[in-house]
Protein backbone atom coordinates (compact mmCIF):
# COMPACT_ATOMS: atom_id res chain seq x y z
CA UNK A 1 -125.92 -20.12 -94.08
CA UNK A 2 -124.47 -19.21 -90.62
CA UNK A 3 -127.68 -17.37 -89.62
CA UNK A 4 -129.74 -20.69 -90.20
CA UNK A 5 -127.28 -22.67 -88.23
CA UNK A 6 -127.41 -20.21 -85.43
CA UNK A 7 -131.17 -20.47 -85.29
CA UNK A 8 -131.19 -24.27 -85.20
CA UNK A 9 -128.43 -24.76 -82.46
CA UNK A 10 -129.06 -21.38 -80.46
CA UNK A 11 -132.37 -19.42 -80.73
CA UNK A 12 -134.39 -17.60 -83.22
CA UNK A 13 -134.68 -13.94 -83.24
CA UNK A 14 -138.15 -14.01 -82.05
CA UNK A 15 -137.44 -15.71 -78.61
CA UNK A 16 -134.06 -13.77 -78.03
CA UNK A 17 -136.32 -10.79 -78.04
CA UNK A 18 -138.74 -12.32 -75.71
CA UNK A 19 -135.83 -13.46 -73.43
CA UNK A 20 -134.28 -9.65 -73.58
CA UNK A 21 -137.54 -8.57 -71.98
CA UNK A 22 -137.34 -11.45 -69.45
CA UNK A 23 -133.73 -10.34 -68.65
CA UNK A 24 -134.97 -6.51 -68.08
CA UNK A 25 -137.65 -8.05 -65.60
CA UNK A 26 -134.89 -10.23 -63.88
CA UNK A 27 -136.73 -13.24 -64.73
CA UNK A 28 -134.22 -15.30 -66.77
CA UNK A 29 -132.47 -18.68 -66.28
CA UNK A 30 -128.96 -19.07 -66.31
CA UNK A 31 -129.24 -21.33 -69.62
CA UNK A 32 -131.44 -18.72 -71.12
CA UNK A 33 -129.07 -16.00 -70.39
CA UNK A 34 -126.33 -18.10 -71.86
CA UNK A 35 -128.32 -18.86 -75.11
CA UNK A 36 -129.30 -15.11 -75.35
CA UNK A 37 -125.65 -14.12 -74.90
CA UNK A 38 -124.34 -16.41 -77.93
CA UNK A 39 -127.30 -15.29 -80.04
CA UNK A 40 -126.65 -11.55 -79.55
CA UNK A 41 -122.97 -12.21 -80.01
CA UNK A 42 -123.71 -13.20 -83.54
CA UNK A 43 -126.89 -11.59 -84.73
CA UNK A 44 -126.60 -7.75 -85.43
CA UNK A 45 -130.04 -7.05 -85.59
CA UNK A 46 -130.74 -8.38 -82.00
CA UNK A 47 -127.40 -6.65 -80.68
CA UNK A 48 -129.08 -3.44 -82.15
CA UNK A 49 -132.23 -4.30 -80.78
CA UNK A 50 -130.96 -5.10 -77.38
CA UNK A 51 -129.09 -1.51 -77.18
CA UNK A 52 -132.34 0.08 -78.41
CA UNK A 53 -134.06 -1.81 -75.34
CA UNK A 54 -131.40 -0.49 -72.82
CA UNK A 55 -131.95 3.07 -73.76
CA UNK A 56 -135.63 2.99 -73.95
CA UNK A 57 -135.59 1.12 -70.44
CA UNK A 58 -133.49 3.84 -68.83
CA UNK A 59 -135.95 6.64 -70.29
CA UNK A 60 -138.90 4.86 -68.96
CA UNK A 61 -137.26 4.22 -65.46
CA UNK A 62 -136.26 7.84 -65.24
CA UNK A 63 -139.63 9.07 -66.07
CA UNK A 64 -141.09 6.73 -63.72
CA UNK A 65 -139.45 7.74 -60.72
CA UNK A 66 -139.32 11.48 -61.55
CA UNK A 67 -143.25 11.69 -61.79
CA UNK A 68 -145.35 11.19 -58.60
CA UNK A 69 -146.94 7.93 -58.29
CA UNK A 70 -150.70 7.86 -58.05
CA UNK A 71 -153.03 4.92 -57.17
CA UNK A 72 -154.87 3.74 -60.15
CA UNK A 73 -158.32 2.39 -59.50
CA UNK A 74 -160.24 -0.32 -61.45
CA UNK A 75 -161.79 2.37 -63.58
CA UNK A 76 -158.55 3.75 -64.81
CA UNK A 77 -157.32 0.58 -65.81
CA UNK A 78 -160.33 -0.52 -67.76
CA UNK A 79 -160.66 2.84 -69.70
CA UNK A 80 -156.85 2.18 -70.70
CA UNK A 81 -157.67 -1.52 -71.75
CA UNK A 82 -160.55 -0.17 -73.80
CA UNK A 83 -158.31 2.27 -75.50
CA UNK A 84 -155.62 -0.24 -76.30
CA UNK A 85 -158.17 -2.47 -77.76
CA UNK A 86 -159.78 0.05 -79.91
CA UNK A 87 -156.46 1.04 -81.30
CA UNK A 88 -155.67 -2.76 -82.02
CA UNK A 89 -158.94 -3.31 -83.92
CA UNK A 90 -160.39 -5.81 -81.38
């Protein structure tokens, strides 16, 4: 019952996870940040997701800054896209 009320007045979990990603990119409004904070306080699943997202983000940032940055050309980007589409069965 509380979960249904929370989703009506605050946010559904799908929107909350999207806003978590936006927050990581520093592209979130104060209203969205407030709504997300309220949702995470009440939803144990989104709170767990947020914690895992922070851990994953920190690991990726450490790896990114540790490795040498190389310039990617258009061919490399296209190869990556092609592999992703193959894995997604497009």
